[in-house]
Amino acid sequence: MTAGVQDEGGSADPDATSALLPSRVAKLLSALFYGTCSFRIVLVNKALLTTYGFPSPIVLGIGQMAATIMILYVSKLNKIIHFPDFDKKIAVKLFPLPLLYVGNHITGLSSTSKLSLPMFTVLRKFTIPLTLLLETIILRKQYSLNITVSVFAIILGAFIAAGSDLAFNLEGYIFVFLNDIFTAANGVYTKQKMDPKELGKYGVLFYNACFMIIPTLVISVSTGDLQQATEFNQWKNVLFIIQFLLSCFLGLHSTIYPFHEGSKEVNPLKSTFLDE
């Protein structure tokens, strides 16, 4: 019997037992919701970038940043969440997180468009050993032999799967490995810099998006990427628009995964995700 559920005589306390149930149900529902969103955003991004042939992962990334800013700012105004107002020192505190944030965002979407979903999923596993390595170097953490062996087994499996890839796409491989690096670095530096009493997880997300949306837009305009996106022939397709908006709003979910507020402990075996 769970501690705190029994009274002094050893019998179960019905009130304490009933109090535990909502917590467990909430955790289960939260996990199911996270898994559903993770799976759905992969499918939606893949459909947009491959099935429909949307030409610009950068513009899709800008849409996700804009949705992140809007959702978090409206939530702050309605006092659903809290993070501090803008201060000049925030940029210094965050650096280099905004650069890692946008790099993670764009390379994730680009690799999704270049690779099949099974191969993309397999190669994203390289985030795990990279996270372990960076945490050892930057956070001075030490891991047990069991974790180290497990990580090497994951690497071996990824190499075997990659070796059997008949549709080898070098550009896709480069993007996904860059994405692994950005993801690992973003998670580790976030744990190093994030103080829940200051910015908190939502503040980090909000200001990362705010700082990088304009530079990313400038890059998109200067490279002609935005023009290709605006001239795309599916903007009158209602189903495409719905999926584009769904990707933008689910993009917030894909960026929350590294944050566990109040803790700087990261398990590298839980540091990957499939939602770029």
C-alpha atoms as a PDB file:
ATOM      1  CA  MET A   1       0.000   0.000   0.000  1.00  0.00           C
ATOM      2  CA  THR A   2       1.247   3.471  -0.822  1.00  0.00           C
ATOM      3  CA  ALA A   3       2.729   5.449   2.073  1.00  0.00           C
ATOM      4  CA  GLY A   4       0.317   7.978   3.457  1.00  0.00           C
ATOM      5  CA  VAL A   5      -2.729   5.972   2.292  1.00  0.00           C
ATOM      6  CA  GLN A   6      -2.856   3.798   5.449  1.00  0.00           C
ATOM      7  CA  ASP A   7      -3.945   4.983   8.853  1.00  0.00           C
ATOM      8  CA  GLU A   8      -2.193   4.105  12.100  1.00  0.00           C
ATOM      9  CA  GLY A   9      -4.065   0.804  12.366  1.00  0.00           C
ATOM     10  CA  GLY A  10      -2.829  -0.267   8.948  1.00  0.00           C
ATOM     11  CA  SER A  11      -6.209   0.063   7.193  1.00  0.00           C
ATOM     12  CA  ALA A  12      -6.507   2.003   3.969  1.00  0.00           C
ATOM     13  CA  ASP A  13      -7.726   5.571   4.091  1.00  0.00           C
ATOM     14  CA  PRO A  14     -10.461   5.881   1.407  1.00  0.00           C
ATOM     15  CA  ASP A  15     -10.020   9.646   1.120  1.00  0.00           C
ATOM     16  CA  ALA A  16      -6.263   9.387   0.541  1.00  0.00           C
ATOM     17  CA  THR A  17      -6.753   6.581  -1.978  1.00  0.00           C
ATOM     18  CA  SER A  18      -9.341   8.555  -3.903  1.00  0.00           C
ATOM     19  CA  ALA A  19      -7.032  11.604  -3.864  1.00  0.00           C
ATOM     20  CA  LEU A  20      -4.268   9.612  -5.565  1.00  0.00           C
ATOM     21  CA  LEU A  21      -6.485   8.456  -8.431  1.00  0.00           C
ATOM     22  CA  PRO A  22      -7.042  11.863 -10.097  1.00  0.00           C
ATOM     23  CA  SER A  23      -3.289  12.504 -10.013  1.00  0.00           C
ATOM     24  CA  ARG A  24      -2.529   9.190 -11.703  1.00  0.00           C
ATOM     25  CA  VAL A  25      -5.298   9.677 -14.252  1.00  0.00           C
ATOM     26  CA  ALA A  26      -4.036  13.194 -15.009  1.00  0.00           C
ATOM     27  CA  LYS A  27      -0.505  11.889 -15.569  1.00  0.00           C
ATOM     28  CA  LEU A  28      -1.786   9.131 -17.852  1.00  0.00           C
ATOM     29  CA  LEU A  29      -3.931  11.539 -19.856  1.00  0.00           C
ATOM     30  CA  SER A  30      -1.016  13.979 -20.103  1.00  0.00           C
ATOM     31  CA  ALA A  31       1.255  11.231 -21.454  1.00  0.00           C
ATOM     32  CA  LEU A  32      -1.380  10.125 -23.963  1.00  0.00           C
ATOM     33  CA  PHE A  33      -1.919  13.709 -25.100  1.00  0.00           C
ATOM     34  CA  TYR A  34       1.830  14.269 -25.508  1.00  0.00           C
ATOM     35  CA  GLY A  35       2.233  11.052 -27.494  1.00  0.00           C
ATOM     36  CA  THR A  36      -0.729  11.866 -29.717  1.00  0.00           C
ATOM     37  CA  CYS A  37       0.575  15.364 -30.443  1.00  0.00           C
ATOM     38  CA  SER A  38       4.082  14.046 -31.115  1.00  0.00           C
ATOM     39  CA  PHE A  39       2.801  11.491 -33.602  1.00  0.00           C
ATOM     40  CA  ARG A  40       0.393  13.898 -35.244  1.00  0.00           C
ATOM     41  CA  ILE A  41       2.848  16.729 -35.817  1.00  0.00           C
ATOM     42  CA  VAL A  42       5.286  14.337 -37.510  1.00  0.00           C
ATOM     43  CA  LEU A  43       2.560  13.209 -39.892  1.00  0.00           C
ATOM     44  CA  VAL A  44       1.309  16.742 -40.523  1.00  0.00           C
ATOM     45  CA  ASN A  45       4.791  18.144 -41.214  1.00  0.00           C
ATOM     46  CA  LYS A  46       5.573  15.212 -43.505  1.00  0.00           C
ATOM     47  CA  ALA A  47       2.318  15.707 -45.405  1.00  0.00           C
ATOM     48  CA  LEU A  48       2.942  19.435 -45.849  1.00  0.00           C
ATOM     49  CA  LEU A  49       6.570  19.151 -46.944  1.00  0.00           C
ATOM     50  CA  THR A  50       6.413  15.930 -48.970  1.00  0.00           C
ATOM     51  CA  THR A  51       2.855  15.042 -50.005  1.00  0.00           C
ATOM     52  CA  TYR A  52       1.820  18.613 -50.803  1.00  0.00           C
ATOM     53  CA  GLY A  53       5.378  19.600 -51.700  1.00  0.00           C
ATOM     54  CA  PHE A  54       5.423  22.843 -49.702  1.00  0.00           C
ATOM     55  CA  PRO A  55       8.738  24.384 -50.785  1.00  0.00           C
ATOM     56  CA  SER A  56       9.820  26.166 -47.601  1.00  0.00           C
ATOM     57  CA  PRO A  57      10.574  24.548 -44.239  1.00  0.00           C
ATOM     58  CA  ILE A  58      11.825  27.996 -43.153  1.00  0.00           C
ATOM     59  CA  VAL A  59       8.429  29.642 -43.723  1.00  0.00           C
ATOM     60  CA  LEU A  60       6.721  26.779 -41.895  1.00  0.00           C
ATOM     61  CA  GLY A  61       9.167  27.350 -39.037  1.00  0.00           C
ATOM     62  CA  ILE A  62       8.305  31.063 -39.026  1.00  0.00           C
ATOM     63  CA  GLY A  63       4.628  30.124 -38.782  1.00  0.00           C
ATOM     64  CA  GLN A  64       5.378  27.918 -35.788  1.00  0.00           C
ATOM     65  CA  MET A  65       7.361  30.713 -34.108  1.00  0.00           C
ATOM     66  CA  ALA A  66       4.515  33.181 -34.693  1.00  0.00           C
ATOM     67  CA  ALA A  67       1.985  30.747 -33.225  1.00  0.00           C
ATOM     68  CA  THR A  68       4.259  30.156 -30.211  1.00  0.00           C
ATOM     69  CA  ILE A  69       4.539  33.901 -29.562  1.00  0.00           C
ATOM     70  CA  MET A  70       0.786  34.421 -29.906  1.00  0.00           C
ATOM     71  CA  ILE A  71      -0.260  31.486 -27.707  1.00  0.00           C
ATOM     72  CA  LEU A  72       2.197  32.286 -24.920  1.00  0.00           C
ATOM     73  CA  TYR A  73       1.495  36.040 -24.950  1.00  0.00           C
ATOM     74  CA  VAL A  74      -2.284  35.552 -24.839  1.00  0.00           C
ATOM     75  CA  SER A  75      -1.849  32.989 -22.056  1.00  0.00           C
ATOM     76  CA  LYS A  76       0.293  35.492 -20.130  1.00  0.00           C
ATOM     77  CA  LEU A  77      -2.305  38.256 -20.574  1.00  0.00           C
ATOM     78  CA  ASN A  78      -4.999  35.927 -19.234  1.00  0.00           C
ATOM     79  CA  LYS A  79      -2.739  34.928 -16.324  1.00  0.00           C
ATOM     80  CA  ILE A  80      -2.757  31.271 -17.359  1.00  0.00           C
ATOM     81  CA  ILE A  81       1.041  31.263 -17.345  1.00  0.00           C
ATOM     82  CA  HIS A  82       3.661  33.697 -16.063  1.00  0.00           C
ATOM     83  CA  PHE A  83       6.983  34.928 -17.360  1.00  0.00           C
ATOM     84  CA  PRO A  84       8.730  38.308 -16.920  1.00  0.00           C
ATOM     85  CA  ASP A  85       8.262  41.300 -19.184  1.00  0.00           C
ATOM     86  CA  PHE A  86      10.993  42.184 -21.648  1.00  0.00           C
ATOM     87  CA  ASP A  87      14.289  43.355 -20.252  1.00  0.00           C
ATOM     88  CA  LYS A  88      17.533  44.152 -22.085  1.00  0.00           C
ATOM     89  CA  LYS A  89      19.383  41.604 -19.965  1.00  0.00           C
ATOM     90  CA  ILE A  90      17.217  38.738 -21.218  1.00  0.00           C
ATOM     91  CA  ALA A  91      19.111  38.461 -24.508  1.00  0.00           C
ATOM     92  CA  VAL A  92      22.412  38.131 -22.651  1.00  0.00           C
ATOM     93  CA  LYS A  93      20.973  35.556 -20.258  1.00  0.00           C
ATOM     94  CA  LEU A  94      19.567  33.452 -23.100  1.00  0.00           C
ATOM     95  CA  PHE A  95      22.515  33.444 -25.510  1.00  0.00           C
ATOM     96  CA  PRO A  96      23.184  31.103 -27.344  1.00  0.00           C
ATOM     97  CA  LEU A  97      19.734  29.530 -26.874  1.00  0.00           C
ATOM     98  CA  PRO A  98      17.935  31.593 -29.583  1.00  0.00           C
ATOM     99  CA  LEU A  99      20.478  30.455 -32.198  1.00  0.00           C
ATOM    100  CA  LEU A 100      20.156  26.820 -31.097  1.00  0.00           C
ATOM    101  CA  TYR A 101      16.371  27.175 -31.043  1.00  0.00           C
ATOM    102  CA  VAL A 102      16.079  28.344 -34.641  1.00  0.00           C
ATOM    103  CA  GLY A 103      18.723  25.876 -35.819  1.00  0.00           C
ATOM    104  CA  ASN A 104      16.847  23.036 -34.176  1.00  0.00           C
ATOM    105  CA  HIS A 105      13.580  24.248 -35.672  1.00  0.00           C
ATOM    106  CA  ILE A 106      14.696  24.622 -39.286  1.00  0.00           C
ATOM    107  CA  THR A 107      16.941  21.561 -39.517  1.00  0.00           C
ATOM    108  CA  GLY A 108      14.199  19.432 -37.989  1.00  0.00           C
ATOM    109  CA  LEU A 109      11.668  20.505 -40.586  1.00  0.00           C
ATOM    110  CA  SER A 110      14.204  20.243 -43.417  1.00  0.00           C
ATOM    111  CA  SER A 111      15.204  16.701 -42.464  1.00  0.00           C
ATOM    112  CA  THR A 112      11.532  15.710 -42.217  1.00  0.00           C
ATOM    113  CA  SER A 113      11.043  16.780 -45.822  1.00  0.00           C
ATOM    114  CA  LYS A 114      14.106  14.875 -47.089  1.00  0.00           C
ATOM    115  CA  LEU A 115      13.835  11.506 -45.323  1.00  0.00           C
ATOM    116  CA  SER A 116      11.271   8.773 -44.913  1.00  0.00           C
ATOM    117  CA  LEU A 117       9.589   8.767 -41.507  1.00  0.00           C
ATOM    118  CA  PRO A 118      11.131   5.435 -40.376  1.00  0.00           C
ATOM    119  CA  MET A 119      14.655   6.590 -41.256  1.00  0.00           C
ATOM    120  CA  PHE A 120      14.059  10.027 -39.751  1.00  0.00           C
ATOM    121  CA  THR A 121      12.898   8.372 -36.525  1.00  0.00           C
ATOM    122  CA  VAL A 122      15.948   6.103 -36.376  1.00  0.00           C
ATOM    123  CA  LEU A 123      18.495   8.846 -37.046  1.00  0.00           C
ATOM    124  CA  ARG A 124      16.928  11.120 -34.436  1.00  0.00           C
ATOM    125  CA  LYS A 125      18.125   8.570 -31.868  1.00  0.00           C
ATOM    126  CA  PHE A 126      21.625  10.018 -32.241  1.00  0.00           C
ATOM    127  CA  THR A 127      20.347  12.897 -30.112  1.00  0.00           C
ATOM    128  CA  ILE A 128      20.657  10.590 -27.091  1.00  0.00           C
ATOM    129  CA  PRO A 129      24.449   9.997 -27.176  1.00  0.00           C
ATOM    130  CA  LEU A 130      25.031  13.638 -28.128  1.00  0.00           C
ATOM    131  CA  THR A 131      23.002  14.754 -25.116  1.00  0.00           C
ATOM    132  CA  LEU A 132      24.956  12.412 -22.863  1.00  0.00           C
ATOM    133  CA  LEU A 133      28.253  13.709 -24.234  1.00  0.00           C
ATOM    134  CA  LEU A 134      27.299  17.393 -23.875  1.00  0.00           C
ATOM    135  CA  GLU A 135      25.947  16.896 -20.366  1.00  0.00           C
ATOM    136  CA  THR A 136      29.208  15.210 -19.383  1.00  0.00           C
ATOM    137  CA  ILE A 137      31.266  18.092 -20.804  1.00  0.00           C
ATOM    138  CA  ILE A 138      29.078  21.100 -19.952  1.00  0.00           C
ATOM    139  CA  LEU A 139      27.110  20.026 -16.873  1.00  0.00           C
ATOM    140  CA  ARG A 140      29.869  17.758 -15.503  1.00  0.00           C
ATOM    141  CA  LYS A 141      27.432  14.905 -15.054  1.00  0.00           C
ATOM    142  CA  GLN A 142      28.451  11.276 -14.680  1.00  0.00           C
ATOM    143  CA  TYR A 143      26.365   8.348 -15.932  1.00  0.00           C
ATOM    144  CA  SER A 144      26.258   4.742 -14.836  1.00  0.00           C
ATOM    145  CA  LEU A 145      27.627   1.898 -16.918  1.00  0.00           C
ATOM    146  CA  ASN A 146      24.083   0.661 -17.620  1.00  0.00           C
ATOM    147  CA  ILE A 147      23.093   3.966 -19.219  1.00  0.00           C
ATOM    148  CA  THR A 148      26.319   4.128 -21.239  1.00  0.00           C
ATOM    149  CA  VAL A 149      25.854   0.585 -22.569  1.00  0.00           C
ATOM    150  CA  SER A 150      22.222   1.321 -23.436  1.00  0.00           C
ATOM    151  CA  VAL A 151      23.279   4.404 -25.387  1.00  0.00           C
ATOM    152  CA  PHE A 152      25.895   2.442 -27.349  1.00  0.00           C
ATOM    153  CA  ALA A 153      23.260  -0.187 -28.165  1.00  0.00           C
ATOM    154  CA  ILE A 154      21.015   2.576 -29.543  1.00  0.00           C
ATOM    155  CA  ILE A 155      23.893   3.938 -31.655  1.00  0.00           C
ATOM    156  CA  LEU A 156      24.627   0.457 -33.036  1.00  0.00           C
ATOM    157  CA  GLY A 157      20.991  -0.047 -33.951  1.00  0.00           C
ATOM    158  CA  ALA A 158      20.861   3.321 -35.698  1.00  0.00           C
ATOM    159  CA  PHE A 159      23.996   2.516 -37.721  1.00  0.00           C
ATOM    160  CA  ILE A 160      22.564  -0.850 -38.781  1.00  0.00           C
ATOM    161  CA  ALA A 161      19.285   0.766 -39.851  1.00  0.00           C
ATOM    162  CA  ALA A 162      21.068   3.569 -41.701  1.00  0.00           C
ATOM    163  CA  GLY A 163      23.270   1.040 -43.520  1.00  0.00           C
ATOM    164  CA  SER A 164      20.183  -0.690 -44.915  1.00  0.00           C
ATOM    165  CA  ASP A 165      18.636   2.533 -46.223  1.00  0.00           C
ATOM    166  CA  LEU A 166      18.058   1.954 -49.931  1.00  0.00           C
ATOM    167  CA  ALA A 167      16.855   5.508 -50.542  1.00  0.00           C
ATOM    168  CA  PHE A 168      20.039   7.185 -49.276  1.00  0.00           C
ATOM    169  CA  ASN A 169      19.669  10.963 -49.227  1.00  0.00           C
ATOM    170  CA  LEU A 170      22.906  12.734 -48.241  1.00  0.00           C
ATOM    171  CA  GLU A 171      21.239  16.122 -47.819  1.00  0.00           C
ATOM    172  CA  GLY A 172      18.598  14.592 -45.557  1.00  0.00           C
ATOM    173  CA  TYR A 173      21.277  12.839 -43.475  1.00  0.00           C
ATOM    174  CA  ILE A 174      23.198  16.103 -43.043  1.00  0.00           C
ATOM    175  CA  PHE A 175      20.056  17.948 -41.935  1.00  0.00           C
ATOM    176  CA  VAL A 176      19.018  15.266 -39.439  1.00  0.00           C
ATOM    177  CA  PHE A 177      22.500  15.037 -37.884  1.00  0.00           C
ATOM    178  CA  LEU A 178      22.603  18.821 -37.565  1.00  0.00           C
ATOM    179  CA  ASN A 179      19.169  18.610 -36.006  1.00  0.00           C
ATOM    180  CA  ASP A 180      20.461  16.050 -33.505  1.00  0.00           C
ATOM    181  CA  ILE A 181      23.307  18.399 -32.552  1.00  0.00           C
ATOM    182  CA  PHE A 182      21.030  21.433 -32.187  1.00  0.00           C
ATOM    183  CA  THR A 183      18.479  19.430 -30.174  1.00  0.00           C
ATOM    184  CA  ALA A 184      21.076  18.094 -27.747  1.00  0.00           C
ATOM    185  CA  ALA A 185      22.805  21.465 -27.357  1.00  0.00           C
ATOM    186  CA  ASN A 186      19.492  23.283 -26.920  1.00  0.00           C
ATOM    187  CA  GLY A 187      18.357  20.913 -24.178  1.00  0.00           C
ATOM    188  CA  VAL A 188      21.651  20.961 -22.294  1.00  0.00           C
ATOM    189  CA  TYR A 189      22.190  24.741 -22.456  1.00  0.00           C
ATOM    190  CA  THR A 190      18.578  25.275 -21.417  1.00  0.00           C
ATOM    191  CA  LYS A 191      19.145  23.227 -18.275  1.00  0.00           C
ATOM    192  CA  GLN A 192      22.318  25.206 -17.593  1.00  0.00           C
ATOM    193  CA  LYS A 193      20.762  28.639 -18.049  1.00  0.00           C
ATOM    194  CA  MET A 194      17.115  28.306 -17.106  1.00  0.00           C
ATOM    195  CA  ASP A 195      16.202  29.645 -13.670  1.00  0.00           C
ATOM    196  CA  PRO A 196      12.533  28.898 -12.901  1.00  0.00           C
ATOM    197  CA  LYS A 197      12.402  31.964 -10.650  1.00  0.00           C
ATOM    198  CA  GLU A 198      13.357  34.212 -13.574  1.00  0.00           C
ATOM    199  CA  LEU A 199      12.335  33.305 -17.116  1.00  0.00           C
ATOM    200  CA  GLY A 200      10.941  29.822 -16.547  1.00  0.00           C
ATOM    201  CA  LYS A 201      10.230  27.417 -19.391  1.00  0.00           C
ATOM    202  CA  TYR A 202       7.579  29.590 -21.045  1.00  0.00           C
ATOM    203  CA  GLY A 203       9.728  32.691 -20.862  1.00  0.00           C
ATOM    204  CA  VAL A 204      12.595  30.844 -22.544  1.00  0.00           C
ATOM    205  CA  LEU A 205      10.295  29.659 -25.343  1.00  0.00           C
ATOM    206  CA  PHE A 206       8.640  33.055 -25.789  1.00  0.00           C
ATOM    207  CA  TYR A 207      11.830  35.103 -25.988  1.00  0.00           C
ATOM    208  CA  ASN A 208      13.631  32.530 -28.147  1.00  0.00           C
ATOM    209  CA  ALA A 209      10.832  32.859 -30.695  1.00  0.00           C
ATOM    210  CA  CYS A 210      10.672  36.661 -30.348  1.00  0.00           C
ATOM    211  CA  PHE A 211      14.406  37.131 -30.880  1.00  0.00           C
ATOM    212  CA  MET A 212      14.629  34.834 -33.908  1.00  0.00           C
ATOM    213  CA  ILE A 213      11.425  35.331 -35.877  1.00  0.00           C
ATOM    214  CA  ILE A 214      12.558  38.590 -37.519  1.00  0.00           C
ATOM    215  CA  PRO A 215      16.089  37.388 -38.479  1.00  0.00           C
ATOM    216  CA  THR A 216      14.575  34.179 -39.865  1.00  0.00           C
ATOM    217  CA  LEU A 217      12.058  36.182 -41.868  1.00  0.00           C
ATOM    218  CA  VAL A 218      14.863  38.370 -43.262  1.00  0.00           C
ATOM    219  CA  ILE A 219      16.798  35.265 -44.325  1.00  0.00           C
ATOM    220  CA  SER A 220      13.668  33.865 -45.945  1.00  0.00           C
ATOM    221  CA  VAL A 221      13.084  37.064 -47.920  1.00  0.00           C
ATOM    222  CA  SER A 222      16.712  37.507 -48.970  1.00  0.00           C
ATOM    223  CA  THR A 223      17.034  33.933 -50.248  1.00  0.00           C
ATOM    224  CA  GLY A 224      13.769  34.016 -52.203  1.00  0.00           C
ATOM    225  CA  ASP A 225      12.351  31.364 -49.914  1.00  0.00           C
ATOM    226  CA  LEU A 226       9.369  33.496 -48.875  1.00  0.00           C
ATOM    227  CA  GLN A 227       8.494  34.223 -52.489  1.00  0.00           C
ATOM    228  CA  GLN A 228       8.417  30.509 -53.310  1.00  0.00           C
ATOM    229  CA  ALA A 229       6.126  29.933 -50.339  1.00  0.00           C
ATOM    230  CA  THR A 230       3.714  32.735 -51.260  1.00  0.00           C
ATOM    231  CA  GLU A 231       3.548  31.493 -54.867  1.00  0.00           C
ATOM    232  CA  PHE A 232       2.784  27.940 -53.779  1.00  0.00           C
ATOM    233  CA  ASN A 233      -0.273  26.658 -55.637  1.00  0.00           C
ATOM    234  CA  GLN A 234      -2.064  25.009 -52.701  1.00  0.00           C
ATOM    235  CA  TRP A 235      -3.055  28.102 -50.733  1.00  0.00           C
ATOM    236  CA  LYS A 236      -6.633  27.760 -51.992  1.00  0.00           C
ATOM    237  CA  ASN A 237      -6.783  24.177 -50.780  1.00  0.00           C
ATOM    238  CA  VAL A 238      -8.737  24.213 -47.491  1.00  0.00           C
ATOM    239  CA  LEU A 239      -7.264  20.902 -46.320  1.00  0.00           C
ATOM    240  CA  PHE A 240      -3.731  22.192 -46.875  1.00  0.00           C
ATOM    241  CA  ILE A 241      -4.469  25.388 -44.941  1.00  0.00           C
ATOM    242  CA  ILE A 242      -5.942  23.417 -42.030  1.00  0.00           C
ATOM    243  CA  GLN A 243      -2.847  21.213 -41.865  1.00  0.00           C
ATOM    244  CA  PHE A 244      -0.531  24.226 -42.147  1.00  0.00           C
ATOM    245  CA  LEU A 245      -2.270  25.923 -39.209  1.00  0.00           C
ATOM    246  CA  LEU A 246      -2.288  22.661 -37.252  1.00  0.00           C
ATOM    247  CA  SER A 247       1.470  22.360 -37.759  1.00  0.00           C
ATOM    248  CA  CYS A 248       1.995  25.946 -36.575  1.00  0.00           C
ATOM    249  CA  PHE A 249       0.014  25.482 -33.375  1.00  0.00           C
ATOM    250  CA  LEU A 250       1.424  22.021 -32.619  1.00  0.00           C
ATOM    251  CA  GLY A 251       4.878  23.520 -33.090  1.00  0.00           C
ATOM    252  CA  LEU A 252       4.625  24.940 -29.548  1.00  0.00           C
ATOM    253  CA  HIS A 253       4.242  21.401 -28.234  1.00  0.00           C
ATOM    254  CA  SER A 254       7.389  20.304 -30.066  1.00  0.00           C
ATOM    255  CA  THR A 255       9.504  22.921 -28.324  1.00  0.00           C
ATOM    256  CA  ILE A 256       8.305  22.314 -24.757  1.00  0.00           C
ATOM    257  CA  TYR A 257       9.767  18.801 -24.477  1.00  0.00           C
ATOM    258  CA  PRO A 258      13.227  19.691 -22.998  1.00  0.00           C
ATOM    259  CA  PHE A 259      11.861  21.671 -20.086  1.00  0.00           C
ATOM    260  CA  HIS A 260      11.182  20.265 -16.650  1.00  0.00           C
ATOM    261  CA  GLU A 261      10.772  23.360 -14.533  1.00  0.00           C
ATOM    262  CA  GLY A 262      12.648  23.437 -11.278  1.00  0.00           C
ATOM    263  CA  SER A 263      15.103  20.719 -12.241  1.00  0.00           C
ATOM    264  CA  LYS A 264      18.425  20.616 -14.009  1.00  0.00           C
ATOM    265  CA  GLU A 265      18.475  16.827 -14.187  1.00  0.00           C
ATOM    266  CA  VAL A 266      18.184  15.379 -17.669  1.00  0.00           C
ATOM    267  CA  ASN A 267      18.008  11.708 -18.508  1.00  0.00           C
ATOM    268  CA  PRO A 268      19.570  11.355 -21.955  1.00  0.00           C
ATOM    269  CA  LEU A 269      17.437   8.289 -22.633  1.00  0.00           C
ATOM    270  CA  LYS A 270      14.370  10.554 -22.439  1.00  0.00           C
ATOM    271  CA  SER A 271      15.753  13.451 -24.461  1.00  0.00           C
ATOM    272  CA  THR A 272      14.624  12.629 -27.981  1.00  0.00           C
ATOM    273  CA  PHE A 273      11.339  13.350 -29.637  1.00  0.00           C
ATOM    274  CA  LEU A 274       9.681  12.876 -33.024  1.00  0.00           C
ATOM    275  CA  ASP A 275       7.845  16.115 -33.450  1.00  0.00           C
ATOM    276  CA  GLU A 276       9.903  18.274 -35.746  1.00  0.00           C
END
